């Protein structure tokens, strides 16, 4: 069974106008996350003015805590400045 976890990556302390529109940033985040065993899909989802990063993953292989640890180092050119937080986590049927 997979989970669909939505994350907010607060990058405003570094880039006040950030809206996750930088292709370099998004490409690195997607590339690193999809390389993690247990992650099946990574994509952005807009809800009003908010952008959420959605990660579909097997929680037995890639836990939310592990994903948050990976987020803390992304993107590499601003390592440690993005503040990740879990918005929602829902299990999906395969």
PDB file of N, CA and C in Angstrom:
ATOM      1  N   UNK A   1       0.845  -1.180   0.000  1.00  0.00           N
ATOM      2  CA  UNK A   1       0.000   0.000   0.000  1.00  0.00           C
ATOM      3  C   UNK A   1       0.890   1.243   0.000  1.00  0.00           C
ATOM      4  N   UNK A   2       0.600   2.186  -0.865  1.00  0.00           N
ATOM      5  CA  UNK A   2       1.368   3.419  -0.944  1.00  0.00           C
ATOM      6  C   UNK A   2       0.714   4.529  -0.152  1.00  0.00           C
ATOM      7  N   UNK A   3       1.522   5.498   0.237  1.00  0.00           N
ATOM      8  CA  UNK A   3       1.046   6.713   0.874  1.00  0.00           C
ATOM      9  C   UNK A   3       1.254   7.870  -0.079  1.00  0.00           C
ATOM     10  N   UNK A   4       0.417   8.862   0.061  1.00  0.00           N
ATOM     11  CA  UNK A   4       0.548  10.107  -0.698  1.00  0.00           C
ATOM     12  C   UNK A   4       0.770  11.189   0.346  1.00  0.00           C
ATOM     13  N   UNK A   5       2.005  11.673   0.444  1.00  0.00           N
ATOM     14  CA  UNK A   5       2.361  12.666   1.443  1.00  0.00           C
ATOM     15  C   UNK A   5       2.568  14.013   0.769  1.00  0.00           C
ATOM     16  N   UNK A   6       1.974  15.049   1.344  1.00  0.00           N
ATOM     17  CA  UNK A   6       2.116  16.407   0.821  1.00  0.00           C
ATOM     18  C   UNK A   6       3.029  17.188   1.756  1.00  0.00           C
ATOM     19  N   UNK A   7       4.011  17.848   1.168  1.00  0.00           N
ATOM     20  CA  UNK A   7       4.981  18.602   1.945  1.00  0.00           C
ATOM     21  C   UNK A   7       4.982  20.064   1.532  1.00  0.00           C
ATOM     22  N   UNK A   8       5.262  20.903   2.499  1.00  0.00           N
ATOM     23  CA  UNK A   8       5.538  22.311   2.249  1.00  0.00           C
ATOM     24  C   UNK A   8       7.023  22.480   2.478  1.00  0.00           C
ATOM     25  N   UNK A   9       7.710  23.078   1.527  1.00  0.00           N
ATOM     26  CA  UNK A   9       9.127  23.401   1.691  1.00  0.00           C
ATOM     27  C   UNK A   9       9.232  24.908   1.762  1.00  0.00           C
ATOM     28  N   UNK A  10       9.367  25.429   2.956  1.00  0.00           N
ATOM     29  CA  UNK A  10       9.418  26.880   3.137  1.00  0.00           C
ATOM     30  C   UNK A  10      10.799  27.391   2.758  1.00  0.00           C
ATOM     31  N   UNK A  11      10.870  28.020   1.622  1.00  0.00           N
ATOM     32  CA  UNK A  11      12.138  28.558   1.140  1.00  0.00           C
ATOM     33  C   UNK A  11      12.175  30.079   1.236  1.00  0.00           C
ATOM     34  N   UNK A  12      11.150  30.671   1.815  1.00  0.00           N
ATOM     35  CA  UNK A  12      11.060  32.126   1.872  1.00  0.00           C
ATOM     36  C   UNK A  12      12.171  32.809   2.664  1.00  0.00           C
ATOM     37  N   UNK A  13      12.794  32.165   3.672  1.00  0.00           N
ATOM     38  CA  UNK A  13      13.919  32.836   4.327  1.00  0.00           C
ATOM     39  C   UNK A  13      15.074  33.121   3.370  1.00  0.00           C
ATOM     40  N   UNK A  14      15.230  32.313   2.331  1.00  0.00           N
ATOM     41  CA  UNK A  14      16.318  32.474   1.373  1.00  0.00           C
ATOM     42  C   UNK A  14      15.847  33.204   0.120  1.00  0.00           C
ATOM     43  N   UNK A  15      14.678  32.808  -0.369  1.00  0.00           N
ATOM     44  CA  UNK A  15      14.134  33.361  -1.611  1.00  0.00           C
ATOM     45  C   UNK A  15      12.714  33.850  -1.326  1.00  0.00           C
ATOM     46  N   UNK A  16      12.556  35.108  -0.912  1.00  0.00           N
ATOM     47  CA  UNK A  16      11.226  35.596  -0.514  1.00  0.00           C
ATOM     48  C   UNK A  16      10.141  35.417  -1.578  1.00  0.00           C
ATOM     49  N   UNK A  17      10.493  35.477  -2.847  1.00  0.00           N
ATOM     50  CA  UNK A  17       9.497  35.361  -3.913  1.00  0.00           C
ATOM     51  C   UNK A  17       9.343  33.933  -4.420  1.00  0.00           C
ATOM     52  N   UNK A  18       9.904  32.967  -3.712  1.00  0.00           N
ATOM     53  CA  UNK A  18       9.888  31.574  -4.156  1.00  0.00           C
ATOM     54  C   UNK A  18       8.458  31.069  -4.336  1.00  0.00           C
ATOM     55  N   UNK A  19       8.227  30.437  -5.443  1.00  0.00           N
ATOM     56  CA  UNK A  19       6.951  29.787  -5.707  1.00  0.00           C
ATOM     57  C   UNK A  19       7.188  28.428  -6.336  1.00  0.00           C
ATOM     58  N   UNK A  20       8.371  27.868  -6.111  1.00  0.00           N
ATOM     59  CA  UNK A  20       8.790  26.604  -6.716  1.00  0.00           C
ATOM     60  C   UNK A  20       8.643  26.664  -8.226  1.00  0.00           C
ATOM     61  N   UNK A  21       9.113  27.759  -8.791  1.00  0.00           N
ATOM     62  CA  UNK A  21       9.065  27.925 -10.230  1.00  0.00           C
ATOM     63  C   UNK A  21      10.437  27.784 -10.867  1.00  0.00           C
ATOM     64  N   UNK A  22      11.467  27.637 -10.071  1.00  0.00           N
ATOM     65  CA  UNK A  22      12.826  27.505 -10.587  1.00  0.00           C
ATOM     66  C   UNK A  22      13.025  26.076 -11.102  1.00  0.00           C
ATOM     67  N   UNK A  23      13.189  25.908 -12.406  1.00  0.00           N
ATOM     68  CA  UNK A  23      13.337  24.565 -12.963  1.00  0.00           C
ATOM     69  C   UNK A  23      14.527  23.801 -12.373  1.00  0.00           C
ATOM     70  N   UNK A  24      15.619  24.496 -12.101  1.00  0.00           N
ATOM     71  CA  UNK A  24      16.807  23.841 -11.543  1.00  0.00           C
ATOM     72  C   UNK A  24      16.482  23.225 -10.185  1.00  0.00           C
ATOM     73  N   UNK A  25      15.773  23.948  -9.350  1.00  0.00           N
ATOM     74  CA  UNK A  25      15.400  23.486  -8.021  1.00  0.00           C
ATOM     75  C   UNK A  25      14.434  22.303  -8.103  1.00  0.00           C
ATOM     76  N   UNK A  26      13.387  22.455  -8.870  1.00  0.00           N
ATOM     77  CA  UNK A  26      12.367  21.413  -8.995  1.00  0.00           C
ATOM     78  C   UNK A  26      12.976  20.141  -9.584  1.00  0.00           C
ATOM     79  N   UNK A  27      13.814  20.297 -10.605  1.00  0.00           N
ATOM     80  CA  UNK A  27      14.438  19.136 -11.247  1.00  0.00           C
ATOM     81  C   UNK A  27      15.309  18.373 -10.250  1.00  0.00           C
ATOM     82  N   UNK A  28      16.090  19.085  -9.439  1.00  0.00           N
ATOM     83  CA  UNK A  28      16.950  18.398  -8.468  1.00  0.00           C
ATOM     84  C   UNK A  28      16.111  17.693  -7.407  1.00  0.00           C
ATOM     85  N   UNK A  29      15.087  18.350  -6.898  1.00  0.00           N
ATOM     86  CA  UNK A  29      14.231  17.746  -5.875  1.00  0.00           C
ATOM     87  C   UNK A  29      13.585  16.470  -6.421  1.00  0.00           C
ATOM     88  N   UNK A  30      12.991  16.543  -7.606  1.00  0.00           N
ATOM     89  CA  UNK A  30      12.351  15.370  -8.209  1.00  0.00           C
ATOM     90  C   UNK A  30      13.360  14.256  -8.470  1.00  0.00           C
ATOM     91  N   UNK A  31      14.525  14.605  -8.972  1.00  0.00           N
ATOM     92  CA  UNK A  31      15.544  13.619  -9.296  1.00  0.00           C
ATOM     93  C   UNK A  31      16.028  12.882  -8.045  1.00  0.00           C
ATOM     94  N   UNK A  32      16.321  13.618  -6.990  1.00  0.00           N
ATOM     95  CA  UNK A  32      16.827  13.005  -5.761  1.00  0.00           C
ATOM     96  C   UNK A  32      15.747  12.142  -5.111  1.00  0.00           C
ATOM     97  N   UNK A  33      14.519  12.648  -5.041  1.00  0.00           N
ATOM     98  CA  UNK A  33      13.457  11.898  -4.374  1.00  0.00           C
ATOM     99  C   UNK A  33      13.060  10.642  -5.137  1.00  0.00           C
ATOM    100  N   UNK A  34      12.971  10.717  -6.450  1.00  0.00           N
ATOM    101  CA  UNK A  34      12.573   9.527  -7.211  1.00  0.00           C
ATOM    102  C   UNK A  34      13.663   8.452  -7.211  1.00  0.00           C
ATOM    103  N   UNK A  35      14.883   8.816  -6.848  1.00  0.00           N
ATOM    104  CA  UNK A  35      15.968   7.841  -6.745  1.00  0.00           C
ATOM    105  C   UNK A  35      15.910   7.064  -5.420  1.00  0.00           C
ATOM    106  N   UNK A  36      15.078   7.500  -4.496  1.00  0.00           N
ATOM    107  CA  UNK A  36      14.961   6.833  -3.200  1.00  0.00           C
ATOM    108  C   UNK A  36      14.113   5.580  -3.362  1.00  0.00           C
ATOM    109  N   UNK A  37      14.623   4.467  -2.857  1.00  0.00           N
ATOM    110  CA  UNK A  37      13.886   3.211  -2.892  1.00  0.00           C
ATOM    111  C   UNK A  37      12.562   3.386  -2.157  1.00  0.00           C
ATOM    112  N   UNK A  38      11.464   3.039  -2.812  1.00  0.00           N
ATOM    113  CA  UNK A  38      10.141   3.148  -2.209  1.00  0.00           C
ATOM    114  C   UNK A  38       9.356   4.367  -2.669  1.00  0.00           C
ATOM    115  N   UNK A  39      10.011   5.316  -3.338  1.00  0.00           N
ATOM    116  CA  UNK A  39       9.319   6.499  -3.869  1.00  0.00           C
ATOM    117  C   UNK A  39       8.931   6.203  -5.305  1.00  0.00           C
ATOM    118  N   UNK A  40       7.624   6.307  -5.597  1.00  0.00           N
ATOM    119  CA  UNK A  40       7.151   5.991  -6.942  1.00  0.00           C
ATOM    120  C   UNK A  40       6.871   7.224  -7.798  1.00  0.00           C
ATOM    121  N   UNK A  41       6.574   8.358  -7.146  1.00  0.00           N
ATOM    122  CA  UNK A  41       6.204   9.536  -7.935  1.00  0.00           C
ATOM    123  C   UNK A  41       6.400  10.792  -7.090  1.00  0.00           C
ATOM    124  N   UNK A  42       6.849  11.876  -7.754  1.00  0.00           N
ATOM    125  CA  UNK A  42       7.028  13.176  -7.110  1.00  0.00           C
ATOM    126  C   UNK A  42       6.492  14.227  -8.063  1.00  0.00           C
ATOM    127  N   UNK A  43       5.643  15.123  -7.556  1.00  0.00           N
ATOM    128  CA  UNK A  43       5.092  16.177  -8.408  1.00  0.00           C
ATOM    129  C   UNK A  43       4.604  17.351  -7.565  1.00  0.00           C
ATOM    130  N   UNK A  44       4.443  18.487  -8.224  1.00  0.00           N
ATOM    131  CA  UNK A  44       3.933  19.691  -7.576  1.00  0.00           C
ATOM    132  C   UNK A  44       2.429  19.749  -7.769  1.00  0.00           C
ATOM    133  N   UNK A  45       1.748  20.285  -6.769  1.00  0.00           N
ATOM    134  CA  UNK A  45       0.302  20.441  -6.836  1.00  0.00           C
ATOM    135  C   UNK A  45      -0.055  21.810  -6.257  1.00  0.00           C
ATOM    136  N   UNK A  46      -0.844  22.558  -6.998  1.00  0.00           N
ATOM    137  CA  UNK A  46      -1.248  23.884  -6.539  1.00  0.00           C
ATOM    138  C   UNK A  46      -2.620  23.817  -5.890  1.00  0.00           C
ATOM    139  N   UNK A  47      -2.739  24.539  -4.793  1.00  0.00           N
ATOM    140  CA  UNK A  47      -4.024  24.657  -4.113  1.00  0.00           C
ATOM    141  C   UNK A  47      -4.187  26.125  -3.753  1.00  0.00           C
ATOM    142  N   UNK A  48      -4.885  26.848  -4.617  1.00  0.00           N
ATOM    143  CA  UNK A  48      -4.969  28.296  -4.437  1.00  0.00           C
ATOM    144  C   UNK A  48      -3.598  28.903  -4.679  1.00  0.00           C
ATOM    145  N   UNK A  49      -3.120  29.679  -3.727  1.00  0.00           N
ATOM    146  CA  UNK A  49      -1.806  30.307  -3.814  1.00  0.00           C
ATOM    147  C   UNK A  49      -0.698  29.383  -3.326  1.00  0.00           C
ATOM    148  N   UNK A  50      -1.055  28.288  -2.672  1.00  0.00           N
ATOM    149  CA  UNK A  50      -0.072  27.383  -2.092  1.00  0.00           C
ATOM    150  C   UNK A  50       0.380  26.320  -3.079  1.00  0.00           C
ATOM    151  N   UNK A  51       1.678  26.063  -3.061  1.00  0.00           N
ATOM    152  CA  UNK A  51       2.261  24.967  -3.826  1.00  0.00           C
ATOM    153  C   UNK A  51       2.631  23.873  -2.838  1.00  0.00           C
ATOM    154  N   UNK A  52       2.253  22.651  -3.162  1.00  0.00           N
ATOM    155  CA  UNK A  52       2.621  21.521  -2.332  1.00  0.00           C
ATOM    156  C   UNK A  52       3.441  20.558  -3.169  1.00  0.00           C
ATOM    157  N   UNK A  53       4.401  19.935  -2.528  1.00  0.00           N
ATOM    158  CA  UNK A  53       5.179  18.901  -3.174  1.00  0.00           C
ATOM    159  C   UNK A  53       4.597  17.568  -2.729  1.00  0.00           C
ATOM    160  N   UNK A  54       4.117  16.781  -3.683  1.00  0.00           N
ATOM    161  CA  UNK A  54       3.475  15.505  -3.384  1.00  0.00           C
ATOM    162  C   UNK A  54       4.478  14.383  -3.650  1.00  0.00           C
ATOM    163  N   UNK A  55       4.591  13.471  -2.691  1.00  0.00           N
ATOM    164  CA  UNK A  55       5.464  12.310  -2.833  1.00  0.00           C
ATOM    165  C   UNK A  55       4.612  11.071  -2.613  1.00  0.00           C
ATOM    166  N   UNK A  56       4.545  10.223  -3.628  1.00  0.00           N
ATOM    167  CA  UNK A  56       3.868   8.942  -3.488  1.00  0.00           C
ATOM    168  C   UNK A  56       4.938   7.918  -3.164  1.00  0.00           C
ATOM    169  N   UNK A  57       4.753   7.218  -2.026  1.00  0.00           N
ATOM    170  CA  UNK A  57       5.811   6.334  -1.550  1.00  0.00           C
ATOM    171  C   UNK A  57       5.249   5.179  -0.738  1.00  0.00           C
ATOM    172  N   UNK A  58       6.057   4.147  -0.614  1.00  0.00           N
ATOM    173  CA  UNK A  58       5.747   3.000   0.229  1.00  0.00           C
ATOM    174  C   UNK A  58       6.288   3.333   1.623  1.00  0.00           C
ATOM    175  N   UNK A  59       5.420   3.548   2.608  1.00  0.00           N
ATOM    176  CA  UNK A  59       5.881   3.967   3.932  1.00  0.00           C
ATOM    177  C   UNK A  59       6.721   2.916   4.658  1.00  0.00           C
ATOM    178  N   UNK A  60       6.658   1.670   4.213  1.00  0.00           N
ATOM    179  CA  UNK A  60       7.483   0.629   4.819  1.00  0.00           C
ATOM    180  C   UNK A  60       8.933   0.732   4.337  1.00  0.00           C
ATOM    181  N   UNK A  61       9.127   1.329   3.177  1.00  0.00           N
ATOM    182  CA  UNK A  61      10.461   1.461   2.592  1.00  0.00           C
ATOM    183  C   UNK A  61      11.005   2.876   2.707  1.00  0.00           C
ATOM    184  N   UNK A  62      10.171   3.860   2.447  1.00  0.00           N
ATOM    185  CA  UNK A  62      10.561   5.272   2.510  1.00  0.00           C
ATOM    186  C   UNK A  62       9.605   5.977   3.467  1.00  0.00           C
ATOM    187  N   UNK A  63      10.039   6.158   4.712  1.00  0.00           N
ATOM    188  CA  UNK A  63       9.176   6.777   5.717  1.00  0.00           C
ATOM    189  C   UNK A  63       9.119   8.294   5.543  1.00  0.00           C
ATOM    190  N   UNK A  64       8.108   8.890   6.109  1.00  0.00           N
ATOM    191  CA  UNK A  64       7.975  10.352   6.072  1.00  0.00           C
ATOM    192  C   UNK A  64       9.198  10.996   6.720  1.00  0.00           C
ATOM    193  N   UNK A  65       9.674  10.422   7.810  1.00  0.00           N
ATOM    194  CA  UNK A  65      10.849  10.972   8.500  1.00  0.00           C
ATOM    195  C   UNK A  65      12.077  10.942   7.606  1.00  0.00           C
ATOM    196  N   UNK A  66      12.252   9.850   6.850  1.00  0.00           N
ATOM    197  CA  UNK A  66      13.378   9.762   5.927  1.00  0.00           C
ATOM    198  C   UNK A  66      13.261  10.811   4.820  1.00  0.00           C
ATOM    199  N   UNK A  67      12.045  10.995   4.310  1.00  0.00           N
ATOM    200  CA  UNK A  67      11.836  11.997   3.265  1.00  0.00           C
ATOM    201  C   UNK A  67      12.150  13.391   3.785  1.00  0.00           C
ATOM    202  N   UNK A  68      11.726  13.702   4.993  1.00  0.00           N
ATOM    203  CA  UNK A  68      12.007  15.021   5.574  1.00  0.00           C
ATOM    204  C   UNK A  68      13.508  15.220   5.732  1.00  0.00           C
ATOM    205  N   UNK A  69      14.230  14.178   6.146  1.00  0.00           N
ATOM    206  CA  UNK A  69      15.684  14.287   6.255  1.00  0.00           C
ATOM    207  C   UNK A  69      16.326  14.589   4.905  1.00  0.00           C
ATOM    208  N   UNK A  70      15.824  13.963   3.848  1.00  0.00           N
ATOM    209  CA  UNK A  70      16.351  14.224   2.509  1.00  0.00           C
ATOM    210  C   UNK A  70      16.025  15.660   2.091  1.00  0.00           C
ATOM    211  N   UNK A  71      14.807  16.109   2.370  1.00  0.00           N
ATOM    212  CA  UNK A  71      14.412  17.477   2.020  1.00  0.00           C
ATOM    213  C   UNK A  71      15.328  18.522   2.639  1.00  0.00           C
ATOM    214  N   UNK A  72      15.816  18.251   3.834  1.00  0.00           N
ATOM    215  CA  UNK A  72      16.657  19.230   4.540  1.00  0.00           C
ATOM    216  C   UNK A  72      17.928  19.554   3.776  1.00  0.00           C
ATOM    217  N   UNK A  73      18.367  18.665   2.894  1.00  0.00           N
ATOM    218  CA  UNK A  73      19.564  18.912   2.103  1.00  0.00           C
ATOM    219  C   UNK A  73      19.290  19.401   0.700  1.00  0.00           C
ATOM    220  N   UNK A  74      18.029  19.668   0.405  1.00  0.00           N
ATOM    221  CA  UNK A  74      17.655  20.084  -0.945  1.00  0.00           C
ATOM    222  C   UNK A  74      17.155  21.518  -0.986  1.00  0.00           C
ATOM    223  N   UNK A  75      17.322  22.163  -2.089  1.00  0.00           N
ATOM    224  CA  UNK A  75      18.239  21.812  -3.164  1.00  0.00           C
ATOM    225  C   UNK A  75      19.674  22.021  -2.686  1.00  0.00           C
ATOM    226  N   UNK A  76      20.615  21.350  -3.294  1.00  0.00           N
ATOM    227  CA  UNK A  76      22.002  21.368  -2.824  1.00  0.00           C
ATOM    228  C   UNK A  76      22.596  22.773  -2.813  1.00  0.00           C
ATOM    229  N   UNK A  77      22.141  23.638  -3.712  1.00  0.00           N
ATOM    230  CA  UNK A  77      22.707  24.986  -3.770  1.00  0.00           C
ATOM    231  C   UNK A  77      22.146  25.900  -2.684  1.00  0.00           C
ATOM    232  N   UNK A  78      21.157  25.428  -1.902  1.00  0.00           N
ATOM    233  CA  UNK A  78      20.645  26.149  -0.727  1.00  0.00           C
ATOM    234  C   UNK A  78      20.510  25.177   0.444  1.00  0.00           C
ATOM    235  N   UNK A  79      21.404  24.209   0.535  1.00  0.00           N
ATOM    236  CA  UNK A  79      21.305  23.152   1.536  1.00  0.00           C
ATOM    237  C   UNK A  79      21.101  23.718   2.936  1.00  0.00           C
ATOM    238  N   UNK A  80      20.094  23.170   3.605  1.00  0.00           N
ATOM    239  CA  UNK A  80      19.814  23.551   4.980  1.00  0.00           C
ATOM    240  C   UNK A  80      18.929  24.765   5.148  1.00  0.00           C
ATOM    241  N   UNK A  81      18.578  25.441   4.055  1.00  0.00           N
ATOM    242  CA  UNK A  81      17.769  26.645   4.167  1.00  0.00           C
ATOM    243  C   UNK A  81      16.283  26.408   3.948  1.00  0.00           C
ATOM    244  N   UNK A  82      15.913  25.351   3.240  1.00  0.00           N
ATOM    245  CA  UNK A  82      14.508  25.054   3.038  1.00  0.00           C
ATOM    246  C   UNK A  82      14.011  24.316   4.274  1.00  0.00           C
ATOM    247  N   UNK A  83      12.887  24.713   4.783  1.00  0.00           N
ATOM    248  CA  UNK A  83      12.338  24.120   5.991  1.00  0.00           C
ATOM    249  C   UNK A  83      11.167  23.225   5.602  1.00  0.00           C
ATOM    250  N   UNK A  84      11.346  21.883   5.657  1.00  0.00           N
ATOM    251  CA  UNK A  84      10.277  20.975   5.237  1.00  0.00           C
ATOM    252  C   UNK A  84       9.269  20.727   6.343  1.00  0.00           C
ATOM    253  N   UNK A  85       8.015  20.596   5.968  1.00  0.00           N
ATOM    254  CA  UNK A  85       6.988  20.190   6.932  1.00  0.00           C
ATOM    255  C   UNK A  85       5.945  19.354   6.198  1.00  0.00           C
ATOM    256  N   UNK A  86       5.439  18.355   6.908  1.00  0.00           N
ATOM    257  CA  UNK A  86       4.414  17.473   6.358  1.00  0.00           C
ATOM    258  C   UNK A  86       3.068  18.170   6.473  1.00  0.00           C
ATOM    259  N   UNK A  87       2.324  18.234   5.369  1.00  0.00           N
ATOM    260  CA  UNK A  87       0.989  18.830   5.387  1.00  0.00           C
ATOM    261  C   UNK A  87      -0.044  17.733   5.594  1.00  0.00           C
ATOM    262  N   UNK A  88       0.004  16.704   4.754  1.00  0.00           N
ATOM    263  CA  UNK A  88      -0.938  15.581   4.866  1.00  0.00           C
ATOM    264  C   UNK A  88      -0.246  14.293   4.498  1.00  0.00           C
ATOM    265  N   UNK A  89      -0.818  13.202   4.988  1.00  0.00           N
ATOM    266  CA  UNK A  89      -0.303  11.887   4.659  1.00  0.00           C
ATOM    267  C   UNK A  89      -1.514  10.959   4.589  1.00  0.00           C
ATOM    268  N   UNK A  90      -1.761  10.392   3.424  1.00  0.00           N
ATOM    269  CA  UNK A  90      -2.924   9.507   3.246  1.00  0.00           C
ATOM    270  C   UNK A  90      -2.486   8.244   2.548  1.00  0.00           C
ATOM    271  N   UNK A  91      -3.012   7.116   3.009  1.00  0.00           N
ATOM    272  CA  UNK A  91      -2.721   5.843   2.358  1.00  0.00           C
ATOM    273  C   UNK A  91      -3.621   5.666   1.146  1.00  0.00           C
ATOM    274  N   UNK A  92      -3.056   5.076   0.100  1.00  0.00           N
ATOM    275  CA  UNK A  92      -3.806   4.802  -1.118  1.00  0.00           C
ATOM    276  C   UNK A  92      -3.809   3.300  -1.367  1.00  0.00           C
ATOM    277  N   UNK A  93      -4.826   2.820  -2.009  1.00  0.00           N
ATOM    278  CA  UNK A  93      -4.895   1.418  -2.385  1.00  0.00           C
ATOM    279  C   UNK A  93      -4.105   1.208  -3.664  1.00  0.00           C
ATOM    280  N   UNK A  94      -3.388   0.118  -3.749  1.00  0.00           N
ATOM    281  CA  UNK A  94      -2.666  -0.220  -4.997  1.00  0.00           C
ATOM    282  C   UNK A  94      -3.586  -0.885  -5.974  1.00  0.00           C
TER     283      UNK A  94
END
